[in-house]
PDB file of N, CA and C in Angstrom:
ATOM      1  N   MET A   1      17.843  -5.803-104.579  1.00  0.00           N
ATOM      2  CA  MET A   1      19.219  -5.144-104.661  1.00  0.00           C
ATOM      3  C   MET A   1      20.266  -5.687-103.612  1.00  0.00           C
ATOM      4  N   THR A   2      21.355  -6.117-104.057  1.00  0.00           N
ATOM      5  CA  THR A   2      22.450  -6.650-103.090  1.00  0.00           C
ATOM      6  C   THR A   2      22.820  -5.454-102.180  1.00  0.00           C
ATOM      7  N   VAL A   3      23.006  -5.696-100.912  1.00  0.00           N
ATOM      8  CA  VAL A   3      23.548  -4.984 -99.843  1.00  0.00           C
ATOM      9  C   VAL A   3      24.744  -5.677 -99.348  1.00  0.00           C
ATOM     10  N   ILE A   4      25.819  -4.915 -99.229  1.00  0.00           N
ATOM     11  CA  ILE A   4      27.082  -5.463 -98.628  1.00  0.00           C
ATOM     12  C   ILE A   4      27.400  -4.570 -97.363  1.00  0.00           C
ATOM     13  N   THR A   5      27.641  -5.172 -96.224  1.00  0.00           N
ATOM     14  CA  THR A   5      27.928  -4.554 -94.979  1.00  0.00           C
ATOM     15  C   THR A   5      29.083  -5.247 -94.301  1.00  0.00           C
ATOM     16  N   THR A   6      29.756  -4.579 -93.475  1.00  0.00           N
ATOM     17  CA  THR A   6      30.917  -5.161 -92.721  1.00  0.00           C
ATOM     18  C   THR A   6      31.142  -4.612 -91.391  1.00  0.00           C
ATOM     19  N   HIS A   7      31.797  -5.364 -90.524  1.00  0.00           N
ATOM     20  CA  HIS A   7      32.203  -4.888 -89.389  1.00  0.00           C
ATOM     21  C   HIS A   7      33.569  -5.329 -89.072  1.00  0.00           C
ATOM     22  N   VAL A   8      34.420  -4.629 -88.117  1.00  0.00           N
ATOM     23  CA  VAL A   8      35.729  -5.083 -87.785  1.00  0.00           C
ATOM     24  C   VAL A   8      35.739  -5.183 -86.201  1.00  0.00           C
ATOM     25  N   LEU A   9      36.107  -6.337 -85.761  1.00  0.00           N
ATOM     26  CA  LEU A   9      36.451  -6.591 -84.423  1.00  0.00           C
ATOM     27  C   LEU A   9      37.996  -6.720 -84.057  1.00  0.00           C
ATOM     28  N   ASP A  10      38.417  -5.861 -83.192  1.00  0.00           N
ATOM     29  CA  ASP A  10      39.785  -6.054 -82.739  1.00  0.00           C
ATOM     30  C   ASP A  10      39.857  -7.153 -81.639  1.00  0.00           C
ATOM     31  N   THR A  11      40.247  -8.288 -82.116  1.00  0.00           N
ATOM     32  CA  THR A  11      40.279  -9.474 -81.157  1.00  0.00           C
ATOM     33  C   THR A  11      41.365  -9.459 -80.196  1.00  0.00           C
ATOM     34  N   SER A  12      42.495  -8.557 -80.387  1.00  0.00           N
ATOM     35  CA  SER A  12      43.576  -8.372 -79.336  1.00  0.00           C
ATOM     36  C   SER A  12      42.971  -7.354 -78.338  1.00  0.00           C
ATOM     37  N   LEU A  13      42.174  -6.649 -78.447  1.00  0.00           N
ATOM     38  CA  LEU A  13      41.546  -5.861 -77.318  1.00  0.00           C
ATOM     39  C   LEU A  13      40.136  -6.298 -76.944  1.00  0.00           C
ATOM     40  N   GLY A  14      39.573  -7.132 -77.721  1.00  0.00           N
ATOM     41  CA  GLY A  14      38.027  -7.519 -77.334  1.00  0.00           C
ATOM     42  C   GLY A  14      37.000  -6.498 -77.573  1.00  0.00           C
ATOM     43  N   LYS A  15      37.293  -5.633 -78.605  1.00  0.00           N
ATOM     44  CA  LYS A  15      36.415  -4.541 -78.847  1.00  0.00           C
ATOM     45  C   LYS A  15      36.336  -4.089 -80.364  1.00  0.00           C
ATOM     46  N   PRO A  16      35.254  -3.362 -80.634  1.00  0.00           N
ATOM     47  CA  PRO A  16      35.061  -3.009 -82.134  1.00  0.00           C
ATOM     48  C   PRO A  16      36.280  -2.168 -82.518  1.00  0.00           C
ATOM     49  N   ALA A  17      36.614  -2.261 -83.908  1.00  0.00           N
ATOM     50  CA  ALA A  17      37.719  -1.276 -84.357  1.00  0.00           C
ATOM     51  C   ALA A  17      37.160  -0.071 -85.080  1.00  0.00           C
ATOM     52  N   ALA A  18      37.072   1.081 -84.498  1.00  0.00           N
ATOM     53  CA  ALA A  18      36.542   2.223 -85.102  1.00  0.00           C
ATOM     54  C   ALA A  18      37.658   2.995 -85.931  1.00  0.00           C
ATOM     55  N   SER A  19      36.910   3.679 -86.877  1.00  0.00           N
ATOM     56  CA  SER A  19      37.676   4.571 -87.791  1.00  0.00           C
ATOM     57  C   SER A  19      38.654   3.749 -88.847  1.00  0.00           C
ATOM     58  N   VAL A  20      38.337   2.553 -89.097  1.00  0.00           N
ATOM     59  CA  VAL A  20      38.965   1.713 -90.199  1.00  0.00           C
ATOM     60  C   VAL A  20      38.524   2.262 -91.566  1.00  0.00           C
ATOM     61  N   PRO A  21      39.314   2.657 -92.462  1.00  0.00           N
ATOM     62  CA  PRO A  21      38.788   3.013 -93.766  1.00  0.00           C
ATOM     63  C   PRO A  21      38.555   1.704 -94.595  1.00  0.00           C
ATOM     64  N   VAL A  22      37.559   1.653 -95.329  1.00  0.00           N
ATOM     65  CA  VAL A  22      37.170   0.562 -96.135  1.00  0.00           C
ATOM     66  C   VAL A  22      36.788   0.801 -97.592  1.00  0.00           C
ATOM     67  N   VAL A  23      37.375   0.168 -98.488  1.00  0.00           N
ATOM     68  CA  VAL A  23      36.971   0.326 -99.815  1.00  0.00           C
ATOM     69  C   VAL A  23      36.193  -0.814-100.335  1.00  0.00           C
ATOM     70  N   LEU A  24      35.133  -0.668-101.141  1.00  0.00           N
ATOM     71  CA  LEU A  24      34.432  -1.662-101.936  1.00  0.00           C
ATOM     72  C   LEU A  24      34.573  -1.449-103.351  1.00  0.00           C
ATOM     73  N   SER A  25      35.151  -2.638-103.878  1.00  0.00           N
ATOM     74  CA  SER A  25      35.532  -2.676-105.358  1.00  0.00           C
ATOM     75  C   SER A  25      34.736  -3.817-105.936  1.00  0.00           C
ATOM     76  N   VAL A  26      34.705  -3.617-107.405  1.00  0.00           N
ATOM     77  CA  VAL A  26      34.100  -4.670-108.262  1.00  0.00           C
ATOM     78  C   VAL A  26      35.249  -5.198-109.188  1.00  0.00           C
ATOM     79  N   ARG A  27      35.170  -6.539-109.479  1.00  0.00           N
ATOM     80  CA  ARG A  27      36.252  -7.097-110.436  1.00  0.00           C
ATOM     81  C   ARG A  27      35.744  -6.641-111.834  1.00  0.00           C
ATOM     82  N   GLU A  28      36.597  -6.226-112.624  1.00  0.00           N
ATOM     83  CA  GLU A  28      36.583  -6.031-114.016  1.00  0.00           C
ATOM     84  C   GLU A  28      37.743  -6.494-114.667  1.00  0.00           C
ATOM     85  N   GLY A  29      37.472  -7.593-115.435  1.00  0.00           N
ATOM     86  CA  GLY A  29      38.602  -8.185-116.118  1.00  0.00           C
ATOM     87  C   GLY A  29      39.680  -8.815-115.324  1.00  0.00           C
ATOM     88  N   ALA A  30      40.902  -8.352-115.329  1.00  0.00           N
ATOM     89  CA  ALA A  30      42.007  -8.909-114.548  1.00  0.00           C
ATOM     90  C   ALA A  30      42.091  -8.127-113.261  1.00  0.00           C
ATOM     91  N   GLY A  31      41.370  -6.861-113.029  1.00  0.00           N
ATOM     92  CA  GLY A  31      41.578  -6.182-111.975  1.00  0.00           C
ATOM     93  C   GLY A  31      40.335  -5.753-111.216  1.00  0.00           C
ATOM     94  N   TYR A  32      40.439  -4.724-110.320  1.00  0.00           N
ATOM     95  CA  TYR A  32      39.358  -4.301-109.526  1.00  0.00           C
ATOM     96  C   TYR A  32      39.163  -2.767-109.699  1.00  0.00           C
ATOM     97  N   ARG A  33      37.896  -2.356-109.687  1.00  0.00           N
ATOM     98  CA  ARG A  33      37.517  -0.922-109.815  1.00  0.00           C
ATOM     99  C   ARG A  33      36.784  -0.481-108.526  1.00  0.00           C
ATOM    100  N   GLU A  34      37.186   0.547-108.018  1.00  0.00           N
ATOM    101  CA  GLU A  34      36.526   1.174-106.679  1.00  0.00           C
ATOM    102  C   GLU A  34      35.156   1.565-107.065  1.00  0.00           C
ATOM    103  N   LEU A  35      34.170   1.051-106.130  1.00  0.00           N
ATOM    104  CA  LEU A  35      32.825   1.432-106.168  1.00  0.00           C
ATOM    105  C   LEU A  35      32.556   2.593-105.211  1.00  0.00           C
ATOM    106  N   ALA A  36      32.918   2.296-104.029  1.00  0.00           N
ATOM    107  CA  ALA A  36      32.533   3.240-102.933  1.00  0.00           C
ATOM    108  C   ALA A  36      33.595   2.982-101.745  1.00  0.00           C
ATOM    109  N   ARG A  37      33.365   3.899-100.696  1.00  0.00           N
ATOM    110  CA  ARG A  37      34.129   3.770 -99.451  1.00  0.00           C
ATOM    111  C   ARG A  37      33.270   4.034 -98.294  1.00  0.00           C
ATOM    112  N   GLY A  38      33.972   3.596 -97.084  1.00  0.00           N
ATOM    113  CA  GLY A  38      33.294   3.701 -95.880  1.00  0.00           C
ATOM    114  C   GLY A  38      34.301   3.849 -94.863  1.00  0.00           C
ATOM    115  N   VAL A  39      33.783   4.209 -93.463  1.00  0.00           N
ATOM    116  CA  VAL A  39      34.766   4.180 -92.336  1.00  0.00           C
ATOM    117  C   VAL A  39      33.890   3.457 -91.217  1.00  0.00           C
ATOM    118  N   THR A  40      34.734   2.584 -90.510  1.00  0.00           N
ATOM    119  CA  THR A  40      33.957   1.992 -89.504  1.00  0.00           C
ATOM    120  C   THR A  40      33.588   2.972 -88.527  1.00  0.00           C
ATOM    121  N   ASP A  41      32.161   2.774 -87.760  1.00  0.00           N
ATOM    122  CA  ASP A  41      31.893   3.616 -86.856  1.00  0.00           C
ATOM    123  C   ASP A  41      32.400   3.276 -85.407  1.00  0.00           C
ATOM    124  N   ALA A  42      31.791   3.748 -84.343  1.00  0.00           N
ATOM    125  CA  ALA A  42      32.249   3.382 -83.037  1.00  0.00           C
ATOM    126  C   ALA A  42      31.913   2.011 -82.665  1.00  0.00           C
ATOM    127  N   ASP A  43      31.040   1.368 -83.274  1.00  0.00           N
ATOM    128  CA  ASP A  43      30.650   0.033 -83.155  1.00  0.00           C
ATOM    129  C   ASP A  43      31.413  -1.001 -84.086  1.00  0.00           C
ATOM    130  N   GLY A  44      32.445  -0.331 -84.862  1.00  0.00           N
ATOM    131  CA  GLY A  44      33.153  -1.109 -85.788  1.00  0.00           C
ATOM    132  C   GLY A  44      32.589  -1.564 -87.128  1.00  0.00           C
ATOM    133  N   ARG A  45      31.443  -0.879 -87.384  1.00  0.00           N
ATOM    134  CA  ARG A  45      30.638  -1.359 -88.489  1.00  0.00           C
ATOM    135  C   ARG A  45      30.582  -0.191 -89.686  1.00  0.00           C
ATOM    136  N   VAL A  46      30.572  -0.722 -90.747  1.00  0.00           N
ATOM    137  CA  VAL A  46      30.143   0.114 -92.063  1.00  0.00           C
ATOM    138  C   VAL A  46      28.810  -0.318 -92.436  1.00  0.00           C
ATOM    139  N   ARG A  47      27.810   0.413 -92.105  1.00  0.00           N
ATOM    140  CA  ARG A  47      26.466   0.049 -92.414  1.00  0.00           C
ATOM    141  C   ARG A  47      25.973   0.434 -93.806  1.00  0.00           C
ATOM    142  N   ARG A  48      26.719   1.496 -94.285  1.00  0.00           N
ATOM    143  CA  ARG A  48      26.486   1.878 -95.751  1.00  0.00           C
ATOM    144  C   ARG A  48      27.766   2.496 -96.313  1.00  0.00           C
ATOM    145  N   PHE A  49      27.846   2.154 -97.577  1.00  0.00           N
ATOM    146  CA  PHE A  49      29.026   2.842 -98.392  1.00  0.00           C
ATOM    147  C   PHE A  49      28.500   4.016 -99.228  1.00  0.00           C
ATOM    148  N   GLU A  50      29.447   4.819 -99.369  1.00  0.00           N
ATOM    149  CA  GLU A  50      29.284   6.092-100.178  1.00  0.00           C
ATOM    150  C   GLU A  50      30.053   6.126-101.265  1.00  0.00           C
ATOM    151  N   PRO A  51      29.629   6.508-102.624  1.00  0.00           N
ATOM    152  CA  PRO A  51      28.185   6.701-102.806  1.00  0.00           C
ATOM    153  C   PRO A  51      27.698   5.212-102.757  1.00  0.00           C
ATOM    154  N   GLU A  52      26.325   5.097-102.490  1.00  0.00           N
ATOM    155  CA  GLU A  52      25.712   3.865-102.335  1.00  0.00           C
ATOM    156  C   GLU A  52      25.723   3.124-103.688  1.00  0.00           C
ATOM    157  N   PRO A  53      26.448   1.925-103.858  1.00  0.00           N
ATOM    158  CA  PRO A  53      26.543   1.258-104.997  1.00  0.00           C
ATOM    159  C   PRO A  53      25.509   0.404-105.398  1.00  0.00           C
ATOM    160  N   LEU A  54      25.178   0.148-106.596  1.00  0.00           N
ATOM    161  CA  LEU A  54      24.218  -0.639-107.249  1.00  0.00           C
ATOM    162  C   LEU A  54      25.017  -1.939-107.529  1.00  0.00           C
ATOM    163  N   LEU A  55      24.789  -2.978-106.922  1.00  0.00           N
ATOM    164  CA  LEU A  55      25.400  -4.268-106.930  1.00  0.00           C
ATOM    165  C   LEU A  55      24.585  -5.350-107.628  1.00  0.00           C
ATOM    166  N   GLY A  56      25.202  -6.184-108.382  1.00  0.00           N
ATOM    167  CA  GLY A  56      24.642  -7.433-108.966  1.00  0.00           C
ATOM    168  C   GLY A  56      25.452  -8.588-108.735  1.00  0.00           C
ATOM    169  N   VAL A  57      25.169  -9.612-109.315  1.00  0.00           N
ATOM    170  CA  VAL A  57      26.010 -10.924-109.399  1.00  0.00           C
ATOM    171  C   VAL A  57      27.320 -10.402-110.053  1.00  0.00           C
ATOM    172  N   GLY A  58      28.407 -11.011-109.323  1.00  0.00           N
ATOM    173  CA  GLY A  58      29.788 -10.625-109.620  1.00  0.00           C
ATOM    174  C   GLY A  58      30.745 -10.754-108.452  1.00  0.00           C
ATOM    175  N   ALA A  59      31.976 -10.537-108.684  1.00  0.00           N
ATOM    176  CA  ALA A  59      33.107 -10.630-107.824  1.00  0.00           C
ATOM    177  C   ALA A  59      33.451  -9.216-107.344  1.00  0.00           C
ATOM    178  N   TYR A  60      33.539  -9.218-106.136  1.00  0.00           N
ATOM    179  CA  TYR A  60      33.750  -8.005-105.225  1.00  0.00           C
ATOM    180  C   TYR A  60      34.975  -8.111-104.399  1.00  0.00           C
ATOM    181  N   SER A  61      35.389  -7.112-103.790  1.00  0.00           N
ATOM    182  CA  SER A  61      36.388  -7.020-102.806  1.00  0.00           C
ATOM    183  C   SER A  61      36.189  -5.952-101.805  1.00  0.00           C
ATOM    184  N   LEU A  62      36.598  -6.071-100.583  1.00  0.00           N
ATOM    185  CA  LEU A  62      36.558  -5.213 -99.495  1.00  0.00           C
ATOM    186  C   LEU A  62      38.120  -5.058 -99.062  1.00  0.00           C
ATOM    187  N   THR A  63      38.492  -3.770 -98.975  1.00  0.00           N
ATOM    188  CA  THR A  63      39.981  -3.660 -98.566  1.00  0.00           C
ATOM    189  C   THR A  63      39.908  -2.643 -97.378  1.00  0.00           C
ATOM    190  N   PHE A  64      40.470  -3.234 -96.283  1.00  0.00           N
ATOM    191  CA  PHE A  64      40.589  -2.502 -94.991  1.00  0.00           C
ATOM    192  C   PHE A  64      41.879  -2.030 -94.819  1.00  0.00           C
ATOM    193  N   GLU A  65      42.111  -0.699 -94.545  1.00  0.00           N
ATOM    194  CA  GLU A  65      43.302   0.117 -94.352  1.00  0.00           C
ATOM    195  C   GLU A  65      43.605  -0.174 -92.917  1.00  0.00           C
ATOM    196  N   THR A  66      44.217  -1.348 -92.535  1.00  0.00           N
ATOM    197  CA  THR A  66      44.421  -1.578 -91.111  1.00  0.00           C
ATOM    198  C   THR A  66      45.628  -0.812 -90.444  1.00  0.00           C
ATOM    199  N   SER A  67      46.589  -0.573 -91.455  1.00  0.00           N
ATOM    200  CA  SER A  67      47.661   0.235 -90.777  1.00  0.00           C
ATOM    201  C   SER A  67      47.347   1.491 -90.179  1.00  0.00           C
ATOM    202  N   ASP A  68      46.403   2.208 -90.741  1.00  0.00           N
ATOM    203  CA  ASP A  68      45.851   3.563 -90.183  1.00  0.00           C
ATOM    204  C   ASP A  68      45.275   3.301 -88.771  1.00  0.00           C
ATOM    205  N   TYR A  69      44.604   2.294 -88.656  1.00  0.00           N
ATOM    206  CA  TYR A  69      43.880   1.904 -87.438  1.00  0.00           C
ATOM    207  C   TYR A  69      44.965   1.670 -86.295  1.00  0.00           C
ATOM    208  N   PHE A  70      45.960   0.790 -86.560  1.00  0.00           N
ATOM    209  CA  PHE A  70      46.965   0.323 -85.640  1.00  0.00           C
ATOM    210  C   PHE A  70      47.966   1.619 -85.254  1.00  0.00           C
ATOM    211  N   ARG A  71      48.263   2.302 -86.340  1.00  0.00           N
ATOM    212  CA  ARG A  71      49.220   3.422 -86.138  1.00  0.00           C
ATOM    213  C   ARG A  71      48.521   4.505 -85.241  1.00  0.00           C
ATOM    214  N   ALA A  72      47.223   4.752 -85.347  1.00  0.00           N
ATOM    215  CA  ALA A  72      46.475   5.595 -84.558  1.00  0.00           C
ATOM    216  C   ALA A  72      46.566   5.307 -83.102  1.00  0.00           C
ATOM    217  N   ASP A  73      46.914   4.071 -82.758  1.00  0.00           N
ATOM    218  CA  ASP A  73      46.719   3.648 -81.346  1.00  0.00           C
ATOM    219  C   ASP A  73      48.205   3.306 -80.921  1.00  0.00           C
ATOM    220  N   SER A  74      49.193   3.636 -81.822  1.00  0.00           N
ATOM    221  CA  SER A  74      50.663   3.418 -81.474  1.00  0.00           C
ATOM    222  C   SER A  74      51.017   1.979 -81.464  1.00  0.00           C
ATOM    223  N   ARG A  75      50.300   1.110 -82.287  1.00  0.00           N
ATOM    224  CA  ARG A  75      50.646  -0.271 -82.262  1.00  0.00           C
ATOM    225  C   ARG A  75      51.250  -0.695 -83.704  1.00  0.00           C
ATOM    226  N   ALA A  76      52.308  -1.489 -83.518  1.00  0.00           N
ATOM    227  CA  ALA A  76      52.864  -2.149 -84.770  1.00  0.00           C
ATOM    228  C   ALA A  76      51.933  -3.216 -85.365  1.00  0.00           C
ATOM    229  N   ALA A  77      51.834  -3.345 -86.594  1.00  0.00           N
ATOM    230  CA  ALA A  77      50.924  -4.316 -87.240  1.00  0.00           C
ATOM    231  C   ALA A  77      51.688  -5.029 -88.224  1.00  0.00           C
ATOM    232  N   PHE A  78      51.693  -6.358 -88.493  1.00  0.00           N
ATOM    233  CA  PHE A  78      52.291  -6.923 -89.590  1.00  0.00           C
ATOM    234  C   PHE A  78      51.594  -6.693 -91.012  1.00  0.00           C
ATOM    235  N   PHE A  79      50.152  -6.728 -91.024  1.00  0.00           N
ATOM    236  CA  PHE A  79      49.450  -6.553 -92.215  1.00  0.00           C
ATOM    237  C   PHE A  79      49.058  -5.110 -92.383  1.00  0.00           C
ATOM    238  N   GLN A  80      49.591  -4.496 -93.381  1.00  0.00           N
ATOM    239  CA  GLN A  80      49.279  -3.074 -93.679  1.00  0.00           C
ATOM    240  C   GLN A  80      47.934  -2.783 -94.094  1.00  0.00           C
ATOM    241  N   ARG A  81      47.344  -3.733 -94.742  1.00  0.00           N
ATOM    242  CA  ARG A  81      45.929  -3.723 -95.229  1.00  0.00           C
ATOM    243  C   ARG A  81      45.415  -5.195 -95.474  1.00  0.00           C
ATOM    244  N   VAL A  82      44.135  -5.395 -95.450  1.00  0.00           N
ATOM    245  CA  VAL A  82      43.556  -6.642 -95.575  1.00  0.00           C
ATOM    246  C   VAL A  82      42.526  -6.532 -96.784  1.00  0.00           C
ATOM    247  N   THR A  83      42.647  -7.370 -97.806  1.00  0.00           N
ATOM    248  CA  THR A  83      41.651  -7.317 -98.977  1.00  0.00           C
ATOM    249  C   THR A  83      41.049  -8.777 -98.951  1.00  0.00           C
ATOM    250  N   LEU A  84      39.673  -8.651 -98.861  1.00  0.00           N
ATOM    251  CA  LEU A  84      38.860  -9.914 -99.063  1.00  0.00           C
ATOM    252  C   LEU A  84      38.200  -9.866-100.309  1.00  0.00           C
ATOM    253  N   GLU A  85      38.324 -10.807-100.999  1.00  0.00           N
ATOM    254  CA  GLU A  85      37.634 -11.043-102.299  1.00  0.00           C
ATOM    255  C   GLU A  85      36.428 -12.090-102.095  1.00  0.00           C
ATOM    256  N   PHE A  86      35.253 -11.801-102.687  1.00  0.00           N
ATOM    257  CA  PHE A  86      34.087 -12.824-102.517  1.00  0.00           C
ATOM    258  C   PHE A  86      33.218 -12.503-103.735  1.00  0.00           C
ATOM    259  N   PHE A  87      32.355 -13.466-103.883  1.00  0.00           N
ATOM    260  CA  PHE A  87      31.474 -13.503-105.048  1.00  0.00           C
ATOM    261  C   PHE A  87      30.070 -13.506-104.541  1.00  0.00           C
ATOM    262  N   VAL A  88      29.322 -12.486-105.189  1.00  0.00           N
ATOM    263  CA  VAL A  88      27.743 -12.445-104.960  1.00  0.00           C
ATOM    264  C   VAL A  88      27.147 -13.252-106.085  1.00  0.00           C
ATOM    265  N   ALA A  89      26.424 -14.299-105.600  1.00  0.00           N
ATOM    266  CA  ALA A  89      25.777 -15.111-106.448  1.00  0.00           C
ATOM    267  C   ALA A  89      24.237 -14.837-106.612  1.00  0.00           C
ATOM    268  N   ASP A  90      23.613 -14.149-105.504  1.00  0.00           N
ATOM    269  CA  ASP A  90      22.163 -13.911-105.515  1.00  0.00           C
ATOM    270  C   ASP A  90      21.994 -12.442-105.023  1.00  0.00           C
ATOM    271  N   GLU A  91      21.497 -11.705-106.164  1.00  0.00           N
ATOM    272  CA  GLU A  91      21.222 -10.341-105.960  1.00  0.00           C
ATOM    273  C   GLU A  91      20.141  -9.956-104.777  1.00  0.00           C
ATOM    274  N   SER A  92      19.416 -10.851-104.530  1.00  0.00           N
ATOM    275  CA  SER A  92      18.466 -10.520-103.418  1.00  0.00           C
ATOM    276  C   SER A  92      18.900 -10.682-102.107  1.00  0.00           C
ATOM    277  N   GLN A  93      20.283 -11.191-101.849  1.00  0.00           N
ATOM    278  CA  GLN A  93      20.802 -11.451-100.628  1.00  0.00           C
ATOM    279  C   GLN A  93      21.400 -10.235 -99.962  1.00  0.00           C
ATOM    280  N   HIS A  94      21.592 -10.128 -98.662  1.00  0.00           N
ATOM    281  CA  HIS A  94      22.502  -9.226 -97.912  1.00  0.00           C
ATOM    282  C   HIS A  94      23.806 -10.003 -97.628  1.00  0.00           C
ATOM    283  N   TYR A  95      24.870  -9.469 -98.061  1.00  0.00           N
ATOM    284  CA  TYR A  95      26.145  -9.975 -97.829  1.00  0.00           C
ATOM    285  C   TYR A  95      26.739  -9.382 -96.665  1.00  0.00           C
ATOM    286  N   HIS A  96      27.069  -9.848 -95.429  1.00  0.00           N
ATOM    287  CA  HIS A  96      27.818  -9.289 -94.454  1.00  0.00           C
ATOM    288  C   HIS A  96      29.075 -10.015 -94.218  1.00  0.00           C
ATOM    289  N   VAL A  97      30.147  -9.240 -94.361  1.00  0.00           N
ATOM    290  CA  VAL A  97      31.471  -9.735 -94.406  1.00  0.00           C
ATOM    291  C   VAL A  97      32.348  -9.092 -93.220  1.00  0.00           C
ATOM    292  N   PRO A  98      32.325  -9.742 -92.140  1.00  0.00           N
ATOM    293  CA  PRO A  98      33.052  -9.410 -90.976  1.00  0.00           C
ATOM    294  C   PRO A  98      34.481  -9.598 -91.029  1.00  0.00           C
ATOM    295  N   LEU A  99      35.398  -8.768 -90.372  1.00  0.00           N
ATOM    296  CA  LEU A  99      36.747  -9.018 -90.239  1.00  0.00           C
ATOM    297  C   LEU A  99      37.121  -9.028 -88.780  1.00  0.00           C
ATOM    298  N   LEU A 100      37.696 -10.154 -88.409  1.00  0.00           N
ATOM    299  CA  LEU A 100      38.217 -10.285 -86.925  1.00  0.00           C
ATOM    300  C   LEU A 100      39.710  -9.967 -87.047  1.00  0.00           C
ATOM    301  N   LEU A 101      40.416  -8.981 -86.407  1.00  0.00           N
ATOM    302  CA  LEU A 101      41.590  -8.401 -86.594  1.00  0.00           C
ATOM    303  C   LEU A 101      42.366  -8.424 -85.413  1.00  0.00           C
ATOM    304  N   SER A 102      43.507  -8.706 -85.508  1.00  0.00           N
ATOM    305  CA  SER A 102      44.729  -8.432 -84.515  1.00  0.00           C
ATOM    306  C   SER A 102      45.941  -7.880 -85.091  1.00  0.00           C
ATOM    307  N   PRO A 103      46.937  -7.459 -84.547  1.00  0.00           N
ATOM    308  CA  PRO A 103      48.084  -6.807 -85.236  1.00  0.00           C
ATOM    309  C   PRO A 103      48.808  -7.811 -86.116  1.00  0.00           C
ATOM    310  N   PHE A 104      48.777  -9.176 -85.840  1.00  0.00           N
ATOM    311  CA  PHE A 104      49.506 -10.096 -86.674  1.00  0.00           C
ATOM    312  C   PHE A 104      48.705 -11.219 -87.211  1.00  0.00           C
ATOM    313  N   GLY A 105      47.491 -11.061 -87.424  1.00  0.00           N
ATOM    314  CA  GLY A 105      46.544 -12.084 -87.962  1.00  0.00           C
ATOM    315  C   GLY A 105      45.215 -11.433 -88.222  1.00  0.00           C
ATOM    316  N   TYR A 106      44.377 -12.057 -89.027  1.00  0.00           N
ATOM    317  CA  TYR A 106      42.957 -11.837 -89.227  1.00  0.00           C
ATOM    318  C   TYR A 106      42.237 -13.066 -89.717  1.00  0.00           C
ATOM    319  N   THR A 107      40.997 -13.085 -89.559  1.00  0.00           N
ATOM    320  CA  THR A 107      40.054 -14.059 -90.180  1.00  0.00           C
ATOM    321  C   THR A 107      38.692 -13.427 -90.455  1.00  0.00           C
ATOM    322  N   THR A 108      38.043 -14.102 -91.341  1.00  0.00           N
ATOM    323  CA  THR A 108      36.699 -13.637 -91.779  1.00  0.00           C
ATOM    324  C   THR A 108      35.719 -14.738 -92.014  1.00  0.00           C
ATOM    325  N   TYR A 109      34.452 -14.425 -92.389  1.00  0.00           N
ATOM    326  CA  TYR A 109      33.549 -15.345 -92.632  1.00  0.00           C
ATOM    327  C   TYR A 109      32.319 -14.556 -93.294  1.00  0.00           C
ATOM    328  N   ARG A 110      31.485 -15.250 -93.717  1.00  0.00           N
ATOM    329  CA  ARG A 110      30.107 -14.629 -94.266  1.00  0.00           C
ATOM    330  C   ARG A 110      29.198 -14.689 -93.134  1.00  0.00           C
ATOM    331  N   GLY A 111      28.834 -13.456 -92.701  1.00  0.00           N
ATOM    332  CA  GLY A 111      27.979 -13.319 -91.492  1.00  0.00           C
ATOM    333  C   GLY A 111      26.480 -13.156 -92.053  1.00  0.00           C
ATOM    334  N   SER A 112      25.580 -12.737 -91.181  1.00  0.00           N
ATOM    335  CA  SER A 112      24.296 -12.594 -91.448  1.00  0.00           C
ATOM    336  C   SER A 112      23.802 -11.115 -91.113  1.00  0.00           C
TER     337      SER A 112
END
């Protein structure tokens, strides 16, 4: 079974980004349907989405509600949310999708 995890690091502060809401969605036709939600813990990680989704080969997205995170710390942010689209090609793999975040930019990669 495919497992998707994520973590968010605030590169402007050099620390994990806690309390960032994250939505996991699956592509269906021309759009996406929400499957599950999570919130980053004190270490900036979503280790499990609720409800725990059954995932297979297909296109997915993770949407990070970054405006909530920056607003809670009274910081302005250019990007209000970040959506990352990716493809699961092998159901037996663990897909870890980190987000490196600052108020005015972000980057990502496939982690382990």
